[in-house]
């Protein structure tokens, strides 16, 4: 009797252990699919983990032929095209990545080969897309707001001449430690400066989206078009300033816009510094050159409102530079 009970208990334990193992395997399998991580590789070196990635697929235009005697609209494909790739990331990327942004804004237009590696939760490669001769086409600097507690991130878009999917290695990525942790970077931690203007009351800076135009250059018998850089487009800056501290902005606007004193000599230089959480280290810096004022416009106010009165200031910028702290990158 005792042996039967013992055997029954052992079978029950084995059943529980087996069920637990199956559940654990199922959980591991699910994690492998849902807990993805994406690493950007530039010139065969890991350049950091990104928050999101999109694009990079191959596609083609459909050409419609004239209707023939059979009354059927026949179709065929034109040359192959490759979608732009967009990545979202923050502080903690590599020097090569930030240097690529810097050189692009300086209109050096460097091309990069690289890859996007998709990894499971335990850093095993489960997907791999290579890209070749990529040019940055857009850098979106985040909105800044002194009252925000949200994290800040870049969005960088680049146009490859060609992409190619490779079979995933399913092996452990050896160099994931360097860029696996994105450093905390808040949208509220910034400093705006402009020569000759009191800019200490600037509370918001709208997103700054810099674009580099790229022109496709067909190459005869080859189906892949070469891509050539054209020029960099810098948008106007839009700031929010407390009205109590906007007198310098009003004076400059009156002189520059209304009175017409707006030659190169009256343009100004400035900078936007993106600061670390302790406000002591400049993580990134945008240098602003040949800045002119376009508009000063008070925000809509309601009678009896206790909100701080603010004005919107719009500026044009002819030249934009980008620098980064070497200690921020790896």
C-alpha atoms as a PDB file:
ATOM      1  CA  UNK A   1       0.000   0.000   0.000  1.00  0.00           C
ATOM      2  CA  UNK A   2       2.802   2.364   0.989  1.00  0.00           C
ATOM      3  CA  UNK A   3       4.628   1.659  -2.267  1.00  0.00           C
ATOM      4  CA  UNK A   4       1.494   2.468  -4.271  1.00  0.00           C
ATOM      5  CA  UNK A   5       1.081   5.782  -2.426  1.00  0.00           C
ATOM      6  CA  UNK A   6       4.760   6.580  -2.916  1.00  0.00           C
ATOM      7  CA  UNK A   7       4.542   5.795  -6.619  1.00  0.00           C
ATOM      8  CA  UNK A   8       1.439   7.944  -6.921  1.00  0.00           C
ATOM      9  CA  UNK A   9       3.160  10.874  -5.185  1.00  0.00           C
ATOM     10  CA  UNK A  10       6.216  10.565  -7.407  1.00  0.00           C
ATOM     11  CA  UNK A  11       4.051  10.519 -10.503  1.00  0.00           C
ATOM     12  CA  UNK A  12       2.247  13.622  -9.232  1.00  0.00           C
ATOM     13  CA  UNK A  13       5.540  15.420  -8.604  1.00  0.00           C
ATOM     14  CA  UNK A  14       6.839  14.432 -12.025  1.00  0.00           C
ATOM     15  CA  UNK A  15       3.598  15.653 -13.577  1.00  0.00           C
ATOM     16  CA  UNK A  16       3.892  19.028 -11.828  1.00  0.00           C
ATOM     17  CA  UNK A  17       7.565  19.366 -12.784  1.00  0.00           C
ATOM     18  CA  UNK A  18       6.803  18.408 -16.378  1.00  0.00           C
ATOM     19  CA  UNK A  19       3.924  20.895 -16.568  1.00  0.00           C
ATOM     20  CA  UNK A  20       6.135  23.587 -15.056  1.00  0.00           C
ATOM     21  CA  UNK A  21       8.879  22.887 -17.590  1.00  0.00           C
ATOM     22  CA  UNK A  22       6.405  23.083 -20.470  1.00  0.00           C
ATOM     23  CA  UNK A  23       4.997  26.355 -19.140  1.00  0.00           C
ATOM     24  CA  UNK A  24       8.528  27.714 -18.716  1.00  0.00           C
ATOM     25  CA  UNK A  25       9.460  26.700 -22.276  1.00  0.00           C
ATOM     26  CA  UNK A  26       6.284  28.335 -23.582  1.00  0.00           C
ATOM     27  CA  UNK A  27       7.072  31.519 -21.648  1.00  0.00           C
ATOM     28  CA  UNK A  28      10.626  31.525 -23.003  1.00  0.00           C
ATOM     29  CA  UNK A  29       9.272  31.043 -26.519  1.00  0.00           C
ATOM     30  CA  UNK A  30       6.847  33.946 -26.113  1.00  0.00           C
ATOM     31  CA  UNK A  31       9.571  36.194 -24.707  1.00  0.00           C
ATOM     32  CA  UNK A  32      11.766  35.383 -27.692  1.00  0.00           C
ATOM     33  CA  UNK A  33       9.095  36.840 -29.954  1.00  0.00           C
ATOM     34  CA  UNK A  34       7.713  39.760 -27.946  1.00  0.00           C
ATOM     35  CA  UNK A  35      10.692  41.103 -25.994  1.00  0.00           C
ATOM     36  CA  UNK A  36      12.617  42.288 -29.020  1.00  0.00           C
ATOM     37  CA  UNK A  37      15.701  44.479 -29.028  1.00  0.00           C
ATOM     38  CA  UNK A  38      17.196  46.228 -32.040  1.00  0.00           C
ATOM     39  CA  UNK A  39      20.832  47.183 -32.491  1.00  0.00           C
ATOM     40  CA  UNK A  40      22.158  49.531 -35.150  1.00  0.00           C
ATOM     41  CA  UNK A  41      25.456  48.449 -36.721  1.00  0.00           C
ATOM     42  CA  UNK A  42      27.583  50.963 -38.657  1.00  0.00           C
ATOM     43  CA  UNK A  43      30.663  49.916 -40.613  1.00  0.00           C
ATOM     44  CA  UNK A  44      30.709  46.494 -38.914  1.00  0.00           C
ATOM     45  CA  UNK A  45      30.668  47.927 -35.372  1.00  0.00           C
ATOM     46  CA  UNK A  46      27.772  47.992 -32.928  1.00  0.00           C
ATOM     47  CA  UNK A  47      26.478  51.549 -32.574  1.00  0.00           C
ATOM     48  CA  UNK A  48      23.858  51.174 -29.861  1.00  0.00           C
ATOM     49  CA  UNK A  49      20.359  49.904 -29.263  1.00  0.00           C
ATOM     50  CA  UNK A  50      17.425  51.836 -30.692  1.00  0.00           C
ATOM     51  CA  UNK A  51      13.906  52.194 -29.297  1.00  0.00           C
ATOM     52  CA  UNK A  52      12.207  51.559 -32.623  1.00  0.00           C
ATOM     53  CA  UNK A  53      13.024  50.863 -36.252  1.00  0.00           C
ATOM     54  CA  UNK A  54      10.908  50.993 -39.409  1.00  0.00           C
ATOM     55  CA  UNK A  55      11.393  50.668 -43.161  1.00  0.00           C
ATOM     56  CA  UNK A  56      14.170  49.130 -45.217  1.00  0.00           C
ATOM     57  CA  UNK A  57      11.976  46.937 -47.414  1.00  0.00           C
ATOM     58  CA  UNK A  58      12.342  46.462 -51.162  1.00  0.00           C
ATOM     59  CA  UNK A  59       9.484  47.512 -53.420  1.00  0.00           C
ATOM     60  CA  UNK A  60       8.733  48.630 -56.984  1.00  0.00           C
ATOM     61  CA  UNK A  61       6.292  50.768 -58.946  1.00  0.00           C
ATOM     62  CA  UNK A  62       3.631  48.998 -60.979  1.00  0.00           C
ATOM     63  CA  UNK A  63       3.535  50.149 -64.616  1.00  0.00           C
ATOM     64  CA  UNK A  64       0.228  49.917 -66.492  1.00  0.00           C
ATOM     65  CA  UNK A  65       0.412  49.109 -70.186  1.00  0.00           C
ATOM     66  CA  UNK A  66      -2.005  50.379 -72.797  1.00  0.00           C
ATOM     67  CA  UNK A  67      -5.114  48.297 -73.300  1.00  0.00           C
ATOM     68  CA  UNK A  68      -4.687  45.943 -76.261  1.00  0.00           C
ATOM     69  CA  UNK A  69      -7.044  43.883 -78.378  1.00  0.00           C
ATOM     70  CA  UNK A  70      -7.675  41.528 -75.454  1.00  0.00           C
ATOM     71  CA  UNK A  71      -9.051  44.464 -73.397  1.00  0.00           C
ATOM     72  CA  UNK A  72      -6.805  43.514 -70.480  1.00  0.00           C
ATOM     73  CA  UNK A  73      -4.655  46.088 -68.677  1.00  0.00           C
ATOM     74  CA  UNK A  74      -1.339  44.280 -68.520  1.00  0.00           C
ATOM     75  CA  UNK A  75       1.053  45.247 -65.743  1.00  0.00           C
ATOM     76  CA  UNK A  76       4.753  44.932 -65.049  1.00  0.00           C
ATOM     77  CA  UNK A  77       7.217  46.207 -62.490  1.00  0.00           C
ATOM     78  CA  UNK A  78       9.664  49.068 -62.908  1.00  0.00           C
ATOM     79  CA  UNK A  79      13.058  49.111 -61.184  1.00  0.00           C
ATOM     80  CA  UNK A  80      13.460  48.013 -57.592  1.00  0.00           C
ATOM     81  CA  UNK A  81      13.363  50.666 -54.862  1.00  0.00           C
ATOM     82  CA  UNK A  82      14.394  50.479 -51.220  1.00  0.00           C
ATOM     83  CA  UNK A  83      12.474  52.182 -48.442  1.00  0.00           C
ATOM     84  CA  UNK A  84      14.132  54.666 -46.111  1.00  0.00           C
ATOM     85  CA  UNK A  85      14.985  53.390 -42.627  1.00  0.00           C
ATOM     86  CA  UNK A  86      13.942  55.342 -39.514  1.00  0.00           C
ATOM     87  CA  UNK A  87      15.358  54.699 -36.045  1.00  0.00           C
ATOM     88  CA  UNK A  88      14.430  56.313 -32.730  1.00  0.00           C
ATOM     89  CA  UNK A  89      17.124  56.559 -30.082  1.00  0.00           C
ATOM     90  CA  UNK A  90      18.424  58.646 -27.212  1.00  0.00           C
ATOM     91  CA  UNK A  91      21.697  59.261 -25.439  1.00  0.00           C
ATOM     92  CA  UNK A  92      24.136  56.370 -25.236  1.00  0.00           C
ATOM     93  CA  UNK A  93      24.759  55.693 -28.927  1.00  0.00           C
ATOM     94  CA  UNK A  94      28.238  55.409 -30.453  1.00  0.00           C
ATOM     95  CA  UNK A  95      30.590  58.180 -31.545  1.00  0.00           C
ATOM     96  CA  UNK A  96      30.247  56.867 -35.108  1.00  0.00           C
ATOM     97  CA  UNK A  97      26.467  57.409 -35.001  1.00  0.00           C
ATOM     98  CA  UNK A  98      26.602  60.941 -33.572  1.00  0.00           C
ATOM     99  CA  UNK A  99      29.495  61.751 -35.900  1.00  0.00           C
ATOM    100  CA  UNK A 100      27.321  60.706 -38.844  1.00  0.00           C
ATOM    101  CA  UNK A 101      24.698  63.262 -37.747  1.00  0.00           C
ATOM    102  CA  UNK A 102      27.337  65.952 -37.222  1.00  0.00           C
ATOM    103  CA  UNK A 103      28.951  65.422 -40.640  1.00  0.00           C
ATOM    104  CA  UNK A 104      25.559  65.404 -42.371  1.00  0.00           C
ATOM    105  CA  UNK A 105      24.572  68.776 -40.869  1.00  0.00           C
ATOM    106  CA  UNK A 106      27.943  70.121 -41.996  1.00  0.00           C
ATOM    107  CA  UNK A 107      26.968  68.955 -45.527  1.00  0.00           C
ATOM    108  CA  UNK A 108      29.814  66.467 -45.791  1.00  0.00           C
ATOM    109  CA  UNK A 109      27.175  63.840 -46.644  1.00  0.00           C
ATOM    110  CA  UNK A 110      29.021  60.690 -45.529  1.00  0.00           C
ATOM    111  CA  UNK A 111      27.645  57.328 -46.649  1.00  0.00           C
ATOM    112  CA  UNK A 112      27.416  54.381 -44.280  1.00  0.00           C
ATOM    113  CA  UNK A 113      27.111  50.633 -44.627  1.00  0.00           C
ATOM    114  CA  UNK A 114      25.546  48.790 -41.751  1.00  0.00           C
ATOM    115  CA  UNK A 115      22.785  46.563 -40.468  1.00  0.00           C
ATOM    116  CA  UNK A 116      19.808  46.356 -38.164  1.00  0.00           C
ATOM    117  CA  UNK A 117      20.041  43.346 -35.862  1.00  0.00           C
ATOM    118  CA  UNK A 118      16.850  42.111 -34.209  1.00  0.00           C
ATOM    119  CA  UNK A 119      17.435  40.210 -30.987  1.00  0.00           C
ATOM    120  CA  UNK A 120      15.441  38.197 -28.503  1.00  0.00           C
ATOM    121  CA  UNK A 121      15.232  39.094 -24.801  1.00  0.00           C
ATOM    122  CA  UNK A 122      18.530  37.259 -24.149  1.00  0.00           C
ATOM    123  CA  UNK A 123      20.419  39.017 -26.988  1.00  0.00           C
ATOM    124  CA  UNK A 124      20.317  36.190 -29.525  1.00  0.00           C
ATOM    125  CA  UNK A 125      20.032  37.410 -33.109  1.00  0.00           C
ATOM    126  CA  UNK A 126      16.662  36.543 -34.659  1.00  0.00           C
ATOM    127  CA  UNK A 127      16.673  38.938 -37.632  1.00  0.00           C
ATOM    128  CA  UNK A 128      19.267  40.758 -39.728  1.00  0.00           C
ATOM    129  CA  UNK A 129      18.918  43.387 -42.469  1.00  0.00           C
ATOM    130  CA  UNK A 130      22.006  44.839 -44.147  1.00  0.00           C
ATOM    131  CA  UNK A 131      22.003  48.274 -45.800  1.00  0.00           C
ATOM    132  CA  UNK A 132      24.527  49.858 -48.143  1.00  0.00           C
ATOM    133  CA  UNK A 133      25.656  53.425 -49.046  1.00  0.00           C
ATOM    134  CA  UNK A 134      23.075  55.063 -46.790  1.00  0.00           C
ATOM    135  CA  UNK A 135      22.688  58.844 -46.574  1.00  0.00           C
ATOM    136  CA  UNK A 136      20.894  60.561 -43.691  1.00  0.00           C
ATOM    137  CA  UNK A 137      17.788  62.305 -45.039  1.00  0.00           C
ATOM    138  CA  UNK A 138      16.219  63.596 -41.825  1.00  0.00           C
ATOM    139  CA  UNK A 139      17.166  64.283 -38.212  1.00  0.00           C
ATOM    140  CA  UNK A 140      14.280  65.137 -35.873  1.00  0.00           C
ATOM    141  CA  UNK A 141      15.434  66.817 -32.668  1.00  0.00           C
ATOM    142  CA  UNK A 142      12.817  66.450 -29.907  1.00  0.00           C
ATOM    143  CA  UNK A 143      10.463  69.086 -28.536  1.00  0.00           C
ATOM    144  CA  UNK A 144      11.740  70.696 -25.333  1.00  0.00           C
ATOM    145  CA  UNK A 145       9.480  71.764 -22.480  1.00  0.00           C
ATOM    146  CA  UNK A 146      10.608  72.958 -19.059  1.00  0.00           C
ATOM    147  CA  UNK A 147       7.437  71.534 -17.476  1.00  0.00           C
ATOM    148  CA  UNK A 148       7.784  68.070 -19.032  1.00  0.00           C
ATOM    149  CA  UNK A 149       9.032  64.938 -17.288  1.00  0.00           C
ATOM    150  CA  UNK A 150       9.079  62.838 -20.440  1.00  0.00           C
ATOM    151  CA  UNK A 151      12.173  61.297 -21.916  1.00  0.00           C
ATOM    152  CA  UNK A 152      13.630  62.808 -25.086  1.00  0.00           C
ATOM    153  CA  UNK A 153      14.772  60.962 -28.213  1.00  0.00           C
ATOM    154  CA  UNK A 154      16.075  61.599 -31.707  1.00  0.00           C
ATOM    155  CA  UNK A 155      14.494  60.196 -34.824  1.00  0.00           C
ATOM    156  CA  UNK A 156      17.023  59.668 -37.608  1.00  0.00           C
ATOM    157  CA  UNK A 157      15.994  58.604 -41.110  1.00  0.00           C
ATOM    158  CA  UNK A 158      18.464  57.410 -43.728  1.00  0.00           C
ATOM    159  CA  UNK A 159      18.137  56.352 -47.358  1.00  0.00           C
ATOM    160  CA  UNK A 160      20.116  53.264 -48.382  1.00  0.00           C
ATOM    161  CA  UNK A 161      20.887  52.497 -52.016  1.00  0.00           C
ATOM    162  CA  UNK A 162      20.231  48.831 -51.311  1.00  0.00           C
ATOM    163  CA  UNK A 163      19.107  46.571 -48.484  1.00  0.00           C
ATOM    164  CA  UNK A 164      19.427  42.826 -48.111  1.00  0.00           C
ATOM    165  CA  UNK A 165      17.915  40.462 -45.592  1.00  0.00           C
ATOM    166  CA  UNK A 166      20.336  37.894 -44.186  1.00  0.00           C
ATOM    167  CA  UNK A 167      19.607  34.688 -42.320  1.00  0.00           C
ATOM    168  CA  UNK A 168      19.732  35.329 -38.544  1.00  0.00           C
ATOM    169  CA  UNK A 169      22.634  33.681 -36.776  1.00  0.00           C
ATOM    170  CA  UNK A 170      20.578  32.806 -33.659  1.00  0.00           C
ATOM    171  CA  UNK A 171      23.806  33.231 -31.696  1.00  0.00           C
ATOM    172  CA  UNK A 172      24.561  35.441 -28.720  1.00  0.00           C
ATOM    173  CA  UNK A 173      25.564  38.974 -29.672  1.00  0.00           C
ATOM    174  CA  UNK A 174      28.922  39.414 -28.005  1.00  0.00           C
ATOM    175  CA  UNK A 175      29.184  43.219 -27.832  1.00  0.00           C
ATOM    176  CA  UNK A 176      25.708  44.125 -26.571  1.00  0.00           C
ATOM    177  CA  UNK A 177      26.813  45.505 -23.183  1.00  0.00           C
ATOM    178  CA  UNK A 178      28.223  48.821 -24.486  1.00  0.00           C
ATOM    179  CA  UNK A 179      25.047  50.216 -25.988  1.00  0.00           C
ATOM    180  CA  UNK A 180      22.327  48.157 -24.324  1.00  0.00           C
ATOM    181  CA  UNK A 181      21.278  50.846 -21.834  1.00  0.00           C
ATOM    182  CA  UNK A 182      19.999  54.146 -23.168  1.00  0.00           C
ATOM    183  CA  UNK A 183      20.952  56.978 -20.813  1.00  0.00           C
ATOM    184  CA  UNK A 184      18.132  59.023 -19.307  1.00  0.00           C
ATOM    185  CA  UNK A 185      17.589  62.263 -21.196  1.00  0.00           C
ATOM    186  CA  UNK A 186      14.672  64.518 -20.283  1.00  0.00           C
ATOM    187  CA  UNK A 187      12.846  66.995 -22.507  1.00  0.00           C
ATOM    188  CA  UNK A 188      12.900  69.532 -19.662  1.00  0.00           C
ATOM    189  CA  UNK A 189      16.686  69.681 -19.369  1.00  0.00           C
ATOM    190  CA  UNK A 190      17.849  72.312 -21.839  1.00  0.00           C
ATOM    191  CA  UNK A 191      19.339  75.777 -22.132  1.00  0.00           C
ATOM    192  CA  UNK A 192      18.609  78.249 -24.940  1.00  0.00           C
ATOM    193  CA  UNK A 193      21.065  81.063 -25.647  1.00  0.00           C
ATOM    194  CA  UNK A 194      21.069  83.898 -28.190  1.00  0.00           C
ATOM    195  CA  UNK A 195      23.591  86.719 -28.348  1.00  0.00           C
ATOM    196  CA  UNK A 196      22.213  90.095 -27.240  1.00  0.00           C
ATOM    197  CA  UNK A 197      18.846  88.699 -26.097  1.00  0.00           C
ATOM    198  CA  UNK A 198      17.708  87.613 -22.646  1.00  0.00           C
ATOM    199  CA  UNK A 199      16.657  84.017 -23.401  1.00  0.00           C
ATOM    200  CA  UNK A 200      16.363  82.797 -19.807  1.00  0.00           C
ATOM    201  CA  UNK A 201      12.542  82.837 -20.010  1.00  0.00           C
ATOM    202  CA  UNK A 202      12.348  80.389 -22.923  1.00  0.00           C
ATOM    203  CA  UNK A 203      10.136  77.557 -21.636  1.00  0.00           C
ATOM    204  CA  UNK A 204       9.529  75.543 -24.820  1.00  0.00           C
ATOM    205  CA  UNK A 205      11.250  74.769 -28.101  1.00  0.00           C
ATOM    206  CA  UNK A 206       9.184  73.079 -30.805  1.00  0.00           C
ATOM    207  CA  UNK A 207      10.647  69.992 -32.567  1.00  0.00           C
ATOM    208  CA  UNK A 208      13.422  70.779 -35.046  1.00  0.00           C
ATOM    209  CA  UNK A 209      13.330  68.571 -38.148  1.00  0.00           C
ATOM    210  CA  UNK A 210      16.368  69.005 -40.388  1.00  0.00           C
ATOM    211  CA  UNK A 211      16.169  67.409 -43.838  1.00  0.00           C
ATOM    212  CA  UNK A 212      18.778  66.550 -46.427  1.00  0.00           C
ATOM    213  CA  UNK A 213      17.400  66.239 -49.930  1.00  0.00           C
ATOM    214  CA  UNK A 214      18.522  63.137 -51.779  1.00  0.00           C
ATOM    215  CA  UNK A 215      18.230  62.675 -55.560  1.00  0.00           C
ATOM    216  CA  UNK A 216      17.937  59.255 -57.211  1.00  0.00           C
ATOM    217  CA  UNK A 217      20.367  58.787 -60.090  1.00  0.00           C
ATOM    218  CA  UNK A 218      19.415  55.854 -62.388  1.00  0.00           C
ATOM    219  CA  UNK A 219      22.428  53.818 -63.516  1.00  0.00           C
ATOM    220  CA  UNK A 220      21.592  52.258 -66.864  1.00  0.00           C
ATOM    221  CA  UNK A 221      21.578  48.470 -66.863  1.00  0.00           C
ATOM    222  CA  UNK A 222      21.689  48.277 -63.067  1.00  0.00           C
ATOM    223  CA  UNK A 223      18.277  48.104 -61.419  1.00  0.00           C
ATOM    224  CA  UNK A 224      19.481  49.879 -58.242  1.00  0.00           C
ATOM    225  CA  UNK A 225      19.599  53.673 -58.482  1.00  0.00           C
ATOM    226  CA  UNK A 226      22.478  55.594 -56.942  1.00  0.00           C
ATOM    227  CA  UNK A 227      21.478  58.258 -54.433  1.00  0.00           C
ATOM    228  CA  UNK A 228      23.181  61.635 -54.388  1.00  0.00           C
ATOM    229  CA  UNK A 229      22.916  64.338 -51.673  1.00  0.00           C
ATOM    230  CA  UNK A 230      21.492  67.714 -52.702  1.00  0.00           C
ATOM    231  CA  UNK A 231      21.248  70.246 -49.858  1.00  0.00           C
ATOM    232  CA  UNK A 232      20.299  70.528 -46.180  1.00  0.00           C
ATOM    233  CA  UNK A 233      17.009  72.247 -45.255  1.00  0.00           C
ATOM    234  CA  UNK A 234      16.829  73.933 -41.831  1.00  0.00           C
ATOM    235  CA  UNK A 235      13.355  74.777 -40.498  1.00  0.00           C
ATOM    236  CA  UNK A 236      12.357  77.894 -38.572  1.00  0.00           C
ATOM    237  CA  UNK A 237      12.607  77.655 -34.788  1.00  0.00           C
ATOM    238  CA  UNK A 238       9.500  78.267 -32.708  1.00  0.00           C
ATOM    239  CA  UNK A 239       9.973  79.220 -29.052  1.00  0.00           C
ATOM    240  CA  UNK A 240       7.605  79.917 -26.178  1.00  0.00           C
ATOM    241  CA  UNK A 241       8.661  82.763 -23.867  1.00  0.00           C
ATOM    242  CA  UNK A 242       7.025  84.192 -20.748  1.00  0.00           C
ATOM    243  CA  UNK A 243       5.637  87.604 -21.712  1.00  0.00           C
ATOM    244  CA  UNK A 244       7.208  89.182 -18.634  1.00  0.00           C
ATOM    245  CA  UNK A 245      10.644  88.343 -20.079  1.00  0.00           C
ATOM    246  CA  UNK A 246       9.912  89.040 -23.740  1.00  0.00           C
ATOM    247  CA  UNK A 247      10.974  92.704 -23.966  1.00  0.00           C
ATOM    248  CA  UNK A 248      14.266  91.940 -25.727  1.00  0.00           C
ATOM    249  CA  UNK A 249      12.409  89.840 -28.274  1.00  0.00           C
ATOM    250  CA  UNK A 250       9.901  92.648 -28.976  1.00  0.00           C
ATOM    251  CA  UNK A 251      12.698  95.209 -29.382  1.00  0.00           C
ATOM    252  CA  UNK A 252      14.644  93.020 -31.775  1.00  0.00           C
ATOM    253  CA  UNK A 253      11.488  92.279 -33.775  1.00  0.00           C
ATOM    254  CA  UNK A 254      10.683  95.978 -34.116  1.00  0.00           C
ATOM    255  CA  UNK A 255      14.201  96.819 -35.286  1.00  0.00           C
ATOM    256  CA  UNK A 256      14.728  93.740 -37.490  1.00  0.00           C
ATOM    257  CA  UNK A 257      11.268  93.327 -39.062  1.00  0.00           C
ATOM    258  CA  UNK A 258       9.423  96.654 -38.820  1.00  0.00           C
ATOM    259  CA  UNK A 259      12.339  99.059 -39.253  1.00  0.00           C
ATOM    260  CA  UNK A 260      14.087  96.767 -41.743  1.00  0.00           C
ATOM    261  CA  UNK A 261      17.500  96.586 -40.091  1.00  0.00           C
ATOM    262  CA  UNK A 262      17.954  92.948 -41.070  1.00  0.00           C
ATOM    263  CA  UNK A 263      21.297  92.630 -42.838  1.00  0.00           C
ATOM    264  CA  UNK A 264      23.824  89.942 -41.943  1.00  0.00           C
ATOM    265  CA  UNK A 265      25.256  92.277 -39.298  1.00  0.00           C
ATOM    266  CA  UNK A 266      21.935  92.281 -37.399  1.00  0.00           C
ATOM    267  CA  UNK A 267      21.601  88.480 -37.445  1.00  0.00           C
ATOM    268  CA  UNK A 268      22.597  86.684 -34.255  1.00  0.00           C
ATOM    269  CA  UNK A 269      24.301  83.496 -33.102  1.00  0.00           C
ATOM    270  CA  UNK A 270      23.079  81.145 -30.417  1.00  0.00           C
ATOM    271  CA  UNK A 271      22.869  77.586 -29.172  1.00  0.00           C
ATOM    272  CA  UNK A 272      20.533  74.967 -27.750  1.00  0.00           C
ATOM    273  CA  UNK A 273      22.179  72.774 -25.118  1.00  0.00           C
ATOM    274  CA  UNK A 274      20.603  69.425 -24.237  1.00  0.00           C
ATOM    275  CA  UNK A 275      21.586  68.741 -20.626  1.00  0.00           C
ATOM    276  CA  UNK A 276      21.994  65.671 -18.438  1.00  0.00           C
ATOM    277  CA  UNK A 277      19.527  65.093 -15.542  1.00  0.00           C
ATOM    278  CA  UNK A 278      21.883  66.862 -13.101  1.00  0.00           C
ATOM    279  CA  UNK A 279      21.973  69.897 -15.468  1.00  0.00           C
ATOM    280  CA  UNK A 280      25.782  69.899 -15.307  1.00  0.00           C
ATOM    281  CA  UNK A 281      26.781  68.073 -18.474  1.00  0.00           C
ATOM    282  CA  UNK A 282      25.920  69.113 -22.021  1.00  0.00           C
ATOM    283  CA  UNK A 283      24.981  65.878 -23.785  1.00  0.00           C
ATOM    284  CA  UNK A 284      24.378  67.494 -27.177  1.00  0.00           C
ATOM    285  CA  UNK A 285      24.576  71.015 -28.531  1.00  0.00           C
ATOM    286  CA  UNK A 286      23.017  72.654 -31.564  1.00  0.00           C
ATOM    287  CA  UNK A 287      24.897  75.776 -32.633  1.00  0.00           C
ATOM    288  CA  UNK A 288      22.752  78.372 -34.410  1.00  0.00           C
ATOM    289  CA  UNK A 289      24.319  80.774 -36.906  1.00  0.00           C
ATOM    290  CA  UNK A 290      22.840  83.704 -38.842  1.00  0.00           C
ATOM    291  CA  UNK A 291      19.632  83.784 -36.822  1.00  0.00           C
ATOM    292  CA  UNK A 292      16.931  86.310 -37.679  1.00  0.00           C
ATOM    293  CA  UNK A 293      13.601  86.996 -36.010  1.00  0.00           C
ATOM    294  CA  UNK A 294      10.397  86.536 -38.018  1.00  0.00           C
ATOM    295  CA  UNK A 295       7.479  86.959 -35.639  1.00  0.00           C
ATOM    296  CA  UNK A 296       6.523  87.621 -32.002  1.00  0.00           C
ATOM    297  CA  UNK A 297       2.942  86.587 -31.365  1.00  0.00           C
ATOM    298  CA  UNK A 298       1.189  86.578 -27.944  1.00  0.00           C
ATOM    299  CA  UNK A 299      -0.709  83.383 -27.185  1.00  0.00           C
ATOM    300  CA  UNK A 300      -4.476  83.557 -26.903  1.00  0.00           C
ATOM    301  CA  UNK A 301      -5.428  84.621 -23.362  1.00  0.00           C
ATOM    302  CA  UNK A 302      -8.774  84.448 -21.595  1.00  0.00           C
ATOM    303  CA  UNK A 303     -10.066  87.123 -19.240  1.00  0.00           C
ATOM    304  CA  UNK A 304      -9.752  86.090 -15.613  1.00  0.00           C
ATOM    305  CA  UNK A 305      -7.264  83.306 -16.384  1.00  0.00           C
ATOM    306  CA  UNK A 306      -4.457  82.797 -13.883  1.00  0.00           C
ATOM    307  CA  UNK A 307      -2.160  81.161 -16.435  1.00  0.00           C
ATOM    308  CA  UNK A 308       1.189  82.794 -17.161  1.00  0.00           C
ATOM    309  CA  UNK A 309       0.938  84.920 -20.302  1.00  0.00           C
ATOM    310  CA  UNK A 310       3.321  83.724 -22.990  1.00  0.00           C
ATOM    311  CA  UNK A 311       4.386  84.692 -26.497  1.00  0.00           C
ATOM    312  CA  UNK A 312       5.466  82.608 -29.475  1.00  0.00           C
ATOM    313  CA  UNK A 313       8.723  83.662 -31.119  1.00  0.00           C
ATOM    314  CA  UNK A 314       9.650  82.449 -34.595  1.00  0.00           C
ATOM    315  CA  UNK A 315      13.236  82.588 -35.849  1.00  0.00           C
ATOM    316  CA  UNK A 316      14.982  81.602 -39.067  1.00  0.00           C
ATOM    317  CA  UNK A 317      18.395  79.904 -39.008  1.00  0.00           C
ATOM    318  CA  UNK A 318      20.783  79.745 -41.953  1.00  0.00           C
ATOM    319  CA  UNK A 319      23.375  77.360 -40.514  1.00  0.00           C
ATOM    320  CA  UNK A 320      23.072  74.622 -37.890  1.00  0.00           C
ATOM    321  CA  UNK A 321      25.867  72.664 -36.230  1.00  0.00           C
ATOM    322  CA  UNK A 322      25.776  69.603 -33.975  1.00  0.00           C
ATOM    323  CA  UNK A 323      28.238  68.582 -31.259  1.00  0.00           C
ATOM    324  CA  UNK A 324      28.148  65.844 -28.655  1.00  0.00           C
ATOM    325  CA  UNK A 325      29.921  65.004 -25.428  1.00  0.00           C
ATOM    326  CA  UNK A 326      32.499  62.256 -25.985  1.00  0.00           C
ATOM    327  CA  UNK A 327      31.619  60.809 -22.584  1.00  0.00           C
ATOM    328  CA  UNK A 328      28.004  60.406 -23.727  1.00  0.00           C
ATOM    329  CA  UNK A 329      28.978  58.113 -26.597  1.00  0.00           C
ATOM    330  CA  UNK A 330      30.939  54.875 -26.588  1.00  0.00           C
END
